[in-house]
């Protein structure tokens, strides 16, 4: 399994001490303060970007975040103070404190189907999953001129391949084509409240629109998920994944 993201040699060098690999879609964060990981995952659930790209753009290459590899204890305290301030602003801006559960070692899973995330979410004892939000992020993005959904090799090798591909693509096309019409309709029936900031109003329209349309997204839709778990959680999860009949789940267990 290879990641759809690629990094320059310089970026790989920057990332090397913070992620276990820069080429595969499953990796672990290392050597990061808990506050950085919390801030990173809070952005991860509301972004179309992969976790490593977010880490580069919003932390390692972002002076505002205040994160740098500290050389002294004083540098470390200053970096964490700035990171905490940045983290608080993210929470204030997005209004979601569910990422407070994610306070330990984190596993990132990218380009996995929504169906696979449900298996992960069902194994909650000892773990805390946080999936990319279908309410705040558009899933109309295409990569290599195709919508992002899981293409099971066995299905593609079967007589159902054409029907499977066209059904998924038609659902995504309908989803993408309805985004703006639904927003226009919502603006007509839900005008802004007096003194409501325009930016806040547009965010609410965007979220309501995605909320109405996400039922069109098939279970094969590819998404990202961050998971925190203890040893027993991951042990049980691996067993659960290996017992599944779908190849994607077994691939995740072996990643």
C-alpha atoms as a PDB file:
ATOM      1  CA  UNK A   1       0.000   0.000   0.000  1.00  0.00           C
ATOM      2  CA  UNK A   2       1.395   3.363  -1.048  1.00  0.00           C
ATOM      3  CA  UNK A   3       0.280   6.839  -0.019  1.00  0.00           C
ATOM      4  CA  UNK A   4      -1.258   9.169  -2.622  1.00  0.00           C
ATOM      5  CA  UNK A   5       0.930  11.959  -1.228  1.00  0.00           C
ATOM      6  CA  UNK A   6       4.554  12.524  -2.149  1.00  0.00           C
ATOM      7  CA  UNK A   7       7.217  14.644  -0.476  1.00  0.00           C
ATOM      8  CA  UNK A   8      10.444  16.203  -1.650  1.00  0.00           C
ATOM      9  CA  UNK A   9      13.719  14.915  -0.173  1.00  0.00           C
ATOM     10  CA  UNK A  10      13.884  18.029   2.027  1.00  0.00           C
ATOM     11  CA  UNK A  11      10.333  17.470   3.289  1.00  0.00           C
ATOM     12  CA  UNK A  12      11.033  13.800   3.949  1.00  0.00           C
ATOM     13  CA  UNK A  13      14.018  14.857   6.038  1.00  0.00           C
ATOM     14  CA  UNK A  14      11.829  17.268   8.020  1.00  0.00           C
ATOM     15  CA  UNK A  15       9.196  14.611   8.616  1.00  0.00           C
ATOM     16  CA  UNK A  16      11.563  11.735   9.363  1.00  0.00           C
ATOM     17  CA  UNK A  17      11.830  12.310  13.117  1.00  0.00           C
ATOM     18  CA  UNK A  18       8.070  12.779  13.556  1.00  0.00           C
ATOM     19  CA  UNK A  19       6.481   9.977  11.498  1.00  0.00           C
ATOM     20  CA  UNK A  20       7.474   6.348  11.096  1.00  0.00           C
ATOM     21  CA  UNK A  21       7.333   6.544   7.296  1.00  0.00           C
ATOM     22  CA  UNK A  22       6.651   9.071   4.534  1.00  0.00           C
ATOM     23  CA  UNK A  23       5.479   6.739   1.759  1.00  0.00           C
ATOM     24  CA  UNK A  24       2.819   4.395   3.152  1.00  0.00           C
ATOM     25  CA  UNK A  25      -0.762   5.364   4.104  1.00  0.00           C
ATOM     26  CA  UNK A  26      -0.494   3.977   7.644  1.00  0.00           C
ATOM     27  CA  UNK A  27       2.040   5.508  10.001  1.00  0.00           C
ATOM     28  CA  UNK A  28       2.616   6.539  13.617  1.00  0.00           C
ATOM     29  CA  UNK A  29       3.506   9.960  15.011  1.00  0.00           C
ATOM     30  CA  UNK A  30       6.691  10.109  17.067  1.00  0.00           C
ATOM     31  CA  UNK A  31       8.662  12.686  19.071  1.00  0.00           C
ATOM     32  CA  UNK A  32       5.828  15.224  19.179  1.00  0.00           C
ATOM     33  CA  UNK A  33       4.480  16.953  22.312  1.00  0.00           C
ATOM     34  CA  UNK A  34       0.935  15.944  23.221  1.00  0.00           C
ATOM     35  CA  UNK A  35      -0.357  19.470  22.612  1.00  0.00           C
ATOM     36  CA  UNK A  36       1.024  19.390  19.062  1.00  0.00           C
ATOM     37  CA  UNK A  37      -0.597  16.028  18.382  1.00  0.00           C
ATOM     38  CA  UNK A  38      -3.906  17.274  19.747  1.00  0.00           C
ATOM     39  CA  UNK A  39      -3.816  20.407  17.588  1.00  0.00           C
ATOM     40  CA  UNK A  40      -2.743  18.390  14.567  1.00  0.00           C
ATOM     41  CA  UNK A  41      -5.593  15.904  14.874  1.00  0.00           C
ATOM     42  CA  UNK A  42      -8.146  18.657  15.432  1.00  0.00           C
ATOM     43  CA  UNK A  43      -7.189  20.068  12.029  1.00  0.00           C
ATOM     44  CA  UNK A  44      -6.944  16.599  10.474  1.00  0.00           C
ATOM     45  CA  UNK A  45     -10.657  15.878  10.906  1.00  0.00           C
ATOM     46  CA  UNK A  46     -11.597  19.093   9.072  1.00  0.00           C
ATOM     47  CA  UNK A  47      -9.117  18.992   6.202  1.00  0.00           C
ATOM     48  CA  UNK A  48      -8.741  17.333   2.808  1.00  0.00           C
ATOM     49  CA  UNK A  49      -4.985  17.107   3.399  1.00  0.00           C
ATOM     50  CA  UNK A  50      -3.090  14.129   4.732  1.00  0.00           C
ATOM     51  CA  UNK A  51      -1.680  14.262   8.245  1.00  0.00           C
ATOM     52  CA  UNK A  52       1.938  14.561   7.125  1.00  0.00           C
ATOM     53  CA  UNK A  53       1.129  17.460   4.812  1.00  0.00           C
ATOM     54  CA  UNK A  54      -0.715  19.210   7.646  1.00  0.00           C
ATOM     55  CA  UNK A  55       2.237  18.611   9.954  1.00  0.00           C
ATOM     56  CA  UNK A  56       4.544  20.236   7.424  1.00  0.00           C
ATOM     57  CA  UNK A  57       2.373  23.195   6.459  1.00  0.00           C
ATOM     58  CA  UNK A  58       0.798  24.135   9.756  1.00  0.00           C
ATOM     59  CA  UNK A  59       3.480  23.199  12.259  1.00  0.00           C
ATOM     60  CA  UNK A  60       6.967  22.454  10.979  1.00  0.00           C
ATOM     61  CA  UNK A  61       6.882  25.223   8.355  1.00  0.00           C
ATOM     62  CA  UNK A  62       4.551  27.596  10.209  1.00  0.00           C
ATOM     63  CA  UNK A  63       6.215  30.180  12.447  1.00  0.00           C
ATOM     64  CA  UNK A  64       2.862  31.068  14.028  1.00  0.00           C
ATOM     65  CA  UNK A  65       2.494  27.568  15.450  1.00  0.00           C
ATOM     66  CA  UNK A  66       5.716  28.094  17.366  1.00  0.00           C
ATOM     67  CA  UNK A  67       6.836  24.516  17.011  1.00  0.00           C
ATOM     68  CA  UNK A  68      10.479  23.694  16.600  1.00  0.00           C
ATOM     69  CA  UNK A  69      12.752  21.019  17.927  1.00  0.00           C
ATOM     70  CA  UNK A  70      13.810  22.596  21.267  1.00  0.00           C
ATOM     71  CA  UNK A  71      17.465  22.610  22.243  1.00  0.00           C
ATOM     72  CA  UNK A  72      16.999  23.668  25.879  1.00  0.00           C
ATOM     73  CA  UNK A  73      14.307  23.247  28.526  1.00  0.00           C
ATOM     74  CA  UNK A  74      13.477  26.952  28.205  1.00  0.00           C
ATOM     75  CA  UNK A  75      13.059  26.593  24.429  1.00  0.00           C
ATOM     76  CA  UNK A  76      10.803  23.618  25.063  1.00  0.00           C
ATOM     77  CA  UNK A  77       8.565  25.584  27.445  1.00  0.00           C
ATOM     78  CA  UNK A  78       8.318  28.493  25.018  1.00  0.00           C
ATOM     79  CA  UNK A  79       7.481  26.195  22.108  1.00  0.00           C
ATOM     80  CA  UNK A  80       4.785  24.410  24.096  1.00  0.00           C
ATOM     81  CA  UNK A  81       3.280  27.712  25.288  1.00  0.00           C
ATOM     82  CA  UNK A  82       2.987  28.958  21.711  1.00  0.00           C
ATOM     83  CA  UNK A  83       1.650  25.591  20.587  1.00  0.00           C
ATOM     84  CA  UNK A  84      -0.985  25.654  23.353  1.00  0.00           C
ATOM     85  CA  UNK A  85      -2.114  29.106  22.222  1.00  0.00           C
ATOM     86  CA  UNK A  86      -2.316  27.896  18.625  1.00  0.00           C
ATOM     87  CA  UNK A  87      -4.247  24.809  19.752  1.00  0.00           C
ATOM     88  CA  UNK A  88      -6.753  26.943  21.692  1.00  0.00           C
ATOM     89  CA  UNK A  89      -7.356  29.127  18.641  1.00  0.00           C
ATOM     90  CA  UNK A  90      -8.084  26.029  16.545  1.00  0.00           C
ATOM     91  CA  UNK A  91     -10.655  24.839  19.084  1.00  0.00           C
ATOM     92  CA  UNK A  92     -12.222  28.307  19.271  1.00  0.00           C
ATOM     93  CA  UNK A  93     -12.367  28.517  15.496  1.00  0.00           C
ATOM     94  CA  UNK A  94     -13.898  25.119  14.870  1.00  0.00           C
ATOM     95  CA  UNK A  95     -15.971  24.704  18.021  1.00  0.00           C
ATOM     96  CA  UNK A  96     -15.272  21.016  18.493  1.00  0.00           C
ATOM     97  CA  UNK A  97     -13.678  19.644  21.661  1.00  0.00           C
ATOM     98  CA  UNK A  98     -14.065  15.961  20.735  1.00  0.00           C
ATOM     99  CA  UNK A  99     -10.350  15.797  19.946  1.00  0.00           C
ATOM    100  CA  UNK A 100      -9.698  16.104  23.698  1.00  0.00           C
ATOM    101  CA  UNK A 101      -9.913  12.303  23.777  1.00  0.00           C
ATOM    102  CA  UNK A 102      -6.784  12.027  21.643  1.00  0.00           C
ATOM    103  CA  UNK A 103      -4.027  12.495  24.143  1.00  0.00           C
ATOM    104  CA  UNK A 104      -1.525   9.722  23.623  1.00  0.00           C
ATOM    105  CA  UNK A 105       0.085   7.696  20.862  1.00  0.00           C
ATOM    106  CA  UNK A 106      -1.755   8.217  17.601  1.00  0.00           C
ATOM    107  CA  UNK A 107      -2.210   6.055  14.512  1.00  0.00           C
ATOM    108  CA  UNK A 108      -3.185   7.666  11.208  1.00  0.00           C
ATOM    109  CA  UNK A 109      -5.075   5.756   8.537  1.00  0.00           C
ATOM    110  CA  UNK A 110      -5.458   7.462   5.185  1.00  0.00           C
ATOM    111  CA  UNK A 111      -7.488   6.619   2.097  1.00  0.00           C
ATOM    112  CA  UNK A 112      -9.564   3.994   3.887  1.00  0.00           C
ATOM    113  CA  UNK A 113     -13.212   3.386   3.086  1.00  0.00           C
ATOM    114  CA  UNK A 114     -16.010   4.678   5.294  1.00  0.00           C
ATOM    115  CA  UNK A 115     -16.991   1.031   5.693  1.00  0.00           C
ATOM    116  CA  UNK A 116     -13.571   0.283   7.180  1.00  0.00           C
ATOM    117  CA  UNK A 117     -13.859   3.208   9.591  1.00  0.00           C
ATOM    118  CA  UNK A 118     -17.046   1.699  11.002  1.00  0.00           C
ATOM    119  CA  UNK A 119     -15.158  -1.456  11.960  1.00  0.00           C
ATOM    120  CA  UNK A 120     -12.559   0.728  13.683  1.00  0.00           C
ATOM    121  CA  UNK A 121     -15.202   2.811  15.435  1.00  0.00           C
ATOM    122  CA  UNK A 122     -17.007  -0.294  16.682  1.00  0.00           C
ATOM    123  CA  UNK A 123     -13.839  -1.339  18.541  1.00  0.00           C
ATOM    124  CA  UNK A 124     -14.054   1.629  20.903  1.00  0.00           C
ATOM    125  CA  UNK A 125     -12.979   0.010  24.183  1.00  0.00           C
ATOM    126  CA  UNK A 126      -9.472   1.315  24.819  1.00  0.00           C
ATOM    127  CA  UNK A 127      -9.443   3.474  21.692  1.00  0.00           C
ATOM    128  CA  UNK A 128     -10.631   6.876  20.511  1.00  0.00           C
ATOM    129  CA  UNK A 129     -11.243   7.306  16.756  1.00  0.00           C
ATOM    130  CA  UNK A 130     -11.768  10.637  15.005  1.00  0.00           C
ATOM    131  CA  UNK A 131     -12.856  10.480  11.372  1.00  0.00           C
ATOM    132  CA  UNK A 132     -12.654  13.171   8.707  1.00  0.00           C
ATOM    133  CA  UNK A 133     -15.945  15.006   8.943  1.00  0.00           C
ATOM    134  CA  UNK A 134     -18.518  14.593   6.174  1.00  0.00           C
ATOM    135  CA  UNK A 135     -20.221  17.698   7.588  1.00  0.00           C
ATOM    136  CA  UNK A 136     -17.307  20.098   7.255  1.00  0.00           C
ATOM    137  CA  UNK A 137     -15.218  18.745   4.369  1.00  0.00           C
ATOM    138  CA  UNK A 138     -16.171  18.275   0.725  1.00  0.00           C
ATOM    139  CA  UNK A 139     -15.734  14.786  -0.695  1.00  0.00           C
ATOM    140  CA  UNK A 140     -16.076  15.960  -4.297  1.00  0.00           C
ATOM    141  CA  UNK A 141     -12.307  16.138  -4.767  1.00  0.00           C
ATOM    142  CA  UNK A 142     -10.856  14.016  -7.565  1.00  0.00           C
ATOM    143  CA  UNK A 143      -7.390  12.484  -7.764  1.00  0.00           C
ATOM    144  CA  UNK A 144      -6.090  11.233 -11.092  1.00  0.00           C
ATOM    145  CA  UNK A 145      -9.378  12.350 -12.667  1.00  0.00           C
ATOM    146  CA  UNK A 146     -11.515  10.042 -10.570  1.00  0.00           C
ATOM    147  CA  UNK A 147     -13.545  10.323  -7.396  1.00  0.00           C
ATOM    148  CA  UNK A 148     -12.067   8.751  -4.301  1.00  0.00           C
ATOM    149  CA  UNK A 149     -13.702   5.438  -3.471  1.00  0.00           C
ATOM    150  CA  UNK A 150     -12.346   1.998  -2.677  1.00  0.00           C
ATOM    151  CA  UNK A 151     -11.864  -0.243  -5.684  1.00  0.00           C
ATOM    152  CA  UNK A 152     -11.811  -3.793  -4.419  1.00  0.00           C
ATOM    153  CA  UNK A 153      -9.636  -5.978  -6.679  1.00  0.00           C
ATOM    154  CA  UNK A 154     -12.069  -8.886  -6.465  1.00  0.00           C
ATOM    155  CA  UNK A 155     -15.003  -6.718  -7.514  1.00  0.00           C
ATOM    156  CA  UNK A 156     -13.020  -5.197 -10.374  1.00  0.00           C
ATOM    157  CA  UNK A 157     -12.131  -8.679 -11.589  1.00  0.00           C
ATOM    158  CA  UNK A 158     -15.763  -9.776 -11.517  1.00  0.00           C
ATOM    159  CA  UNK A 159     -18.731  -9.341 -13.838  1.00  0.00           C
ATOM    160  CA  UNK A 160     -19.956  -6.550 -11.524  1.00  0.00           C
ATOM    161  CA  UNK A 161     -16.977  -4.239 -12.100  1.00  0.00           C
ATOM    162  CA  UNK A 162     -18.636  -1.836 -14.543  1.00  0.00           C
ATOM    163  CA  UNK A 163     -21.811  -1.566 -12.467  1.00  0.00           C
ATOM    164  CA  UNK A 164     -19.804  -0.987  -9.275  1.00  0.00           C
ATOM    165  CA  UNK A 165     -17.623   1.733 -10.787  1.00  0.00           C
ATOM    166  CA  UNK A 166     -20.454   3.571 -12.534  1.00  0.00           C
ATOM    167  CA  UNK A 167     -22.741   3.433  -9.488  1.00  0.00           C
ATOM    168  CA  UNK A 168     -20.058   4.962  -7.274  1.00  0.00           C
ATOM    169  CA  UNK A 169     -19.150   7.618  -9.822  1.00  0.00           C
ATOM    170  CA  UNK A 170     -22.777   8.575 -10.377  1.00  0.00           C
ATOM    171  CA  UNK A 171     -23.294   9.020  -6.634  1.00  0.00           C
ATOM    172  CA  UNK A 172     -20.225  11.256  -6.428  1.00  0.00           C
ATOM    173  CA  UNK A 173     -21.245  13.233  -9.524  1.00  0.00           C
ATOM    174  CA  UNK A 174     -24.677  13.842  -8.024  1.00  0.00           C
ATOM    175  CA  UNK A 175     -23.098  14.862  -4.711  1.00  0.00           C
ATOM    176  CA  UNK A 176     -20.714  17.305  -6.419  1.00  0.00           C
ATOM    177  CA  UNK A 177     -23.358  18.792  -8.718  1.00  0.00           C
ATOM    178  CA  UNK A 178     -25.751  19.477  -5.839  1.00  0.00           C
ATOM    179  CA  UNK A 179     -23.311  21.305  -3.550  1.00  0.00           C
ATOM    180  CA  UNK A 180     -23.925  24.810  -4.919  1.00  0.00           C
ATOM    181  CA  UNK A 181     -27.680  24.414  -5.644  1.00  0.00           C
ATOM    182  CA  UNK A 182     -28.263  23.171  -2.095  1.00  0.00           C
ATOM    183  CA  UNK A 183     -26.304  26.093  -0.648  1.00  0.00           C
ATOM    184  CA  UNK A 184     -28.289  28.549  -2.776  1.00  0.00           C
ATOM    185  CA  UNK A 185     -31.532  27.006  -1.528  1.00  0.00           C
ATOM    186  CA  UNK A 186     -30.392  27.182   2.091  1.00  0.00           C
ATOM    187  CA  UNK A 187     -29.503  30.862   1.700  1.00  0.00           C
ATOM    188  CA  UNK A 188     -33.069  31.514   0.512  1.00  0.00           C
ATOM    189  CA  UNK A 189     -34.840  29.624   3.289  1.00  0.00           C
ATOM    190  CA  UNK A 190     -32.334  30.406   6.054  1.00  0.00           C
ATOM    191  CA  UNK A 191     -31.306  34.061   5.750  1.00  0.00           C
ATOM    192  CA  UNK A 192     -28.632  35.346   8.137  1.00  0.00           C
ATOM    193  CA  UNK A 193     -29.681  36.456  11.589  1.00  0.00           C
ATOM    194  CA  UNK A 194     -29.403  40.140  12.485  1.00  0.00           C
ATOM    195  CA  UNK A 195     -25.795  41.123  13.210  1.00  0.00           C
ATOM    196  CA  UNK A 196     -24.557  37.634  12.299  1.00  0.00           C
ATOM    197  CA  UNK A 197     -21.074  37.887  10.742  1.00  0.00           C
ATOM    198  CA  UNK A 198     -21.094  36.934   7.075  1.00  0.00           C
ATOM    199  CA  UNK A 199     -18.207  34.497   7.511  1.00  0.00           C
ATOM    200  CA  UNK A 200     -20.024  32.675  10.322  1.00  0.00           C
ATOM    201  CA  UNK A 201     -23.210  32.561   8.253  1.00  0.00           C
ATOM    202  CA  UNK A 202     -21.409  31.080   5.250  1.00  0.00           C
ATOM    203  CA  UNK A 203     -19.763  28.453   7.457  1.00  0.00           C
ATOM    204  CA  UNK A 204     -23.165  27.420   8.767  1.00  0.00           C
ATOM    205  CA  UNK A 205     -24.585  27.223   5.227  1.00  0.00           C
ATOM    206  CA  UNK A 206     -21.623  25.131   4.117  1.00  0.00           C
ATOM    207  CA  UNK A 207     -22.022  22.729   7.050  1.00  0.00           C
ATOM    208  CA  UNK A 208     -25.789  22.409   6.589  1.00  0.00           C
ATOM    209  CA  UNK A 209     -25.302  21.739   2.894  1.00  0.00           C
ATOM    210  CA  UNK A 210     -22.788  18.962   3.461  1.00  0.00           C
ATOM    211  CA  UNK A 211     -25.043  17.601   6.199  1.00  0.00           C
ATOM    212  CA  UNK A 212     -27.904  17.244   3.714  1.00  0.00           C
ATOM    213  CA  UNK A 213     -25.750  15.728   0.983  1.00  0.00           C
ATOM    214  CA  UNK A 214     -23.580  13.282   2.895  1.00  0.00           C
ATOM    215  CA  UNK A 215     -26.238  10.590   2.601  1.00  0.00           C
ATOM    216  CA  UNK A 216     -25.248  10.332  -1.068  1.00  0.00           C
ATOM    217  CA  UNK A 217     -21.714   9.258  -0.200  1.00  0.00           C
ATOM    218  CA  UNK A 218     -21.304   5.496  -0.673  1.00  0.00           C
ATOM    219  CA  UNK A 219     -19.757   3.277   1.994  1.00  0.00           C
ATOM    220  CA  UNK A 220     -16.782   2.885  -0.354  1.00  0.00           C
ATOM    221  CA  UNK A 221     -15.888   6.596   0.005  1.00  0.00           C
ATOM    222  CA  UNK A 222     -12.231   7.015   0.942  1.00  0.00           C
ATOM    223  CA  UNK A 223     -11.584   9.057   4.050  1.00  0.00           C
ATOM    224  CA  UNK A 224      -8.962   9.666   6.744  1.00  0.00           C
ATOM    225  CA  UNK A 225      -9.066   8.719  10.396  1.00  0.00           C
ATOM    226  CA  UNK A 226      -6.977   9.367  13.465  1.00  0.00           C
ATOM    227  CA  UNK A 227      -7.035   6.792  16.270  1.00  0.00           C
ATOM    228  CA  UNK A 228      -5.593   6.775  19.771  1.00  0.00           C
ATOM    229  CA  UNK A 229      -5.471   3.449  21.531  1.00  0.00           C
ATOM    230  CA  UNK A 230      -3.697   1.424  24.159  1.00  0.00           C
ATOM    231  CA  UNK A 231      -1.985  -1.891  23.493  1.00  0.00           C
ATOM    232  CA  UNK A 232      -5.041  -4.022  24.184  1.00  0.00           C
ATOM    233  CA  UNK A 233      -7.135  -1.915  21.843  1.00  0.00           C
ATOM    234  CA  UNK A 234      -4.739  -2.345  18.919  1.00  0.00           C
ATOM    235  CA  UNK A 235      -4.300  -6.053  19.611  1.00  0.00           C
ATOM    236  CA  UNK A 236      -8.054  -6.575  19.511  1.00  0.00           C
ATOM    237  CA  UNK A 237      -8.382  -4.370  16.453  1.00  0.00           C
ATOM    238  CA  UNK A 238      -5.809  -6.393  14.505  1.00  0.00           C
ATOM    239  CA  UNK A 239      -7.661  -9.606  15.327  1.00  0.00           C
ATOM    240  CA  UNK A 240     -10.962  -8.051  14.287  1.00  0.00           C
ATOM    241  CA  UNK A 241      -9.529  -6.793  10.992  1.00  0.00           C
ATOM    242  CA  UNK A 242      -7.928 -10.130  10.132  1.00  0.00           C
ATOM    243  CA  UNK A 243     -11.244 -11.924  10.679  1.00  0.00           C
ATOM    244  CA  UNK A 244     -13.059  -9.728   8.159  1.00  0.00           C
ATOM    245  CA  UNK A 245     -13.830 -11.124   4.712  1.00  0.00           C
ATOM    246  CA  UNK A 246     -13.158  -7.899   2.781  1.00  0.00           C
ATOM    247  CA  UNK A 247      -9.605  -7.567   1.489  1.00  0.00           C
ATOM    248  CA  UNK A 248      -9.285  -3.912   2.483  1.00  0.00           C
ATOM    249  CA  UNK A 249      -9.597  -4.790   6.174  1.00  0.00           C
ATOM    250  CA  UNK A 250      -6.922  -7.469   5.916  1.00  0.00           C
ATOM    251  CA  UNK A 251      -4.649  -5.051   4.074  1.00  0.00           C
ATOM    252  CA  UNK A 252      -5.030  -2.558   6.920  1.00  0.00           C
ATOM    253  CA  UNK A 253      -4.079  -5.222   9.457  1.00  0.00           C
ATOM    254  CA  UNK A 254      -0.905  -5.914   7.476  1.00  0.00           C
ATOM    255  CA  UNK A 255       0.007  -2.281   6.734  1.00  0.00           C
END
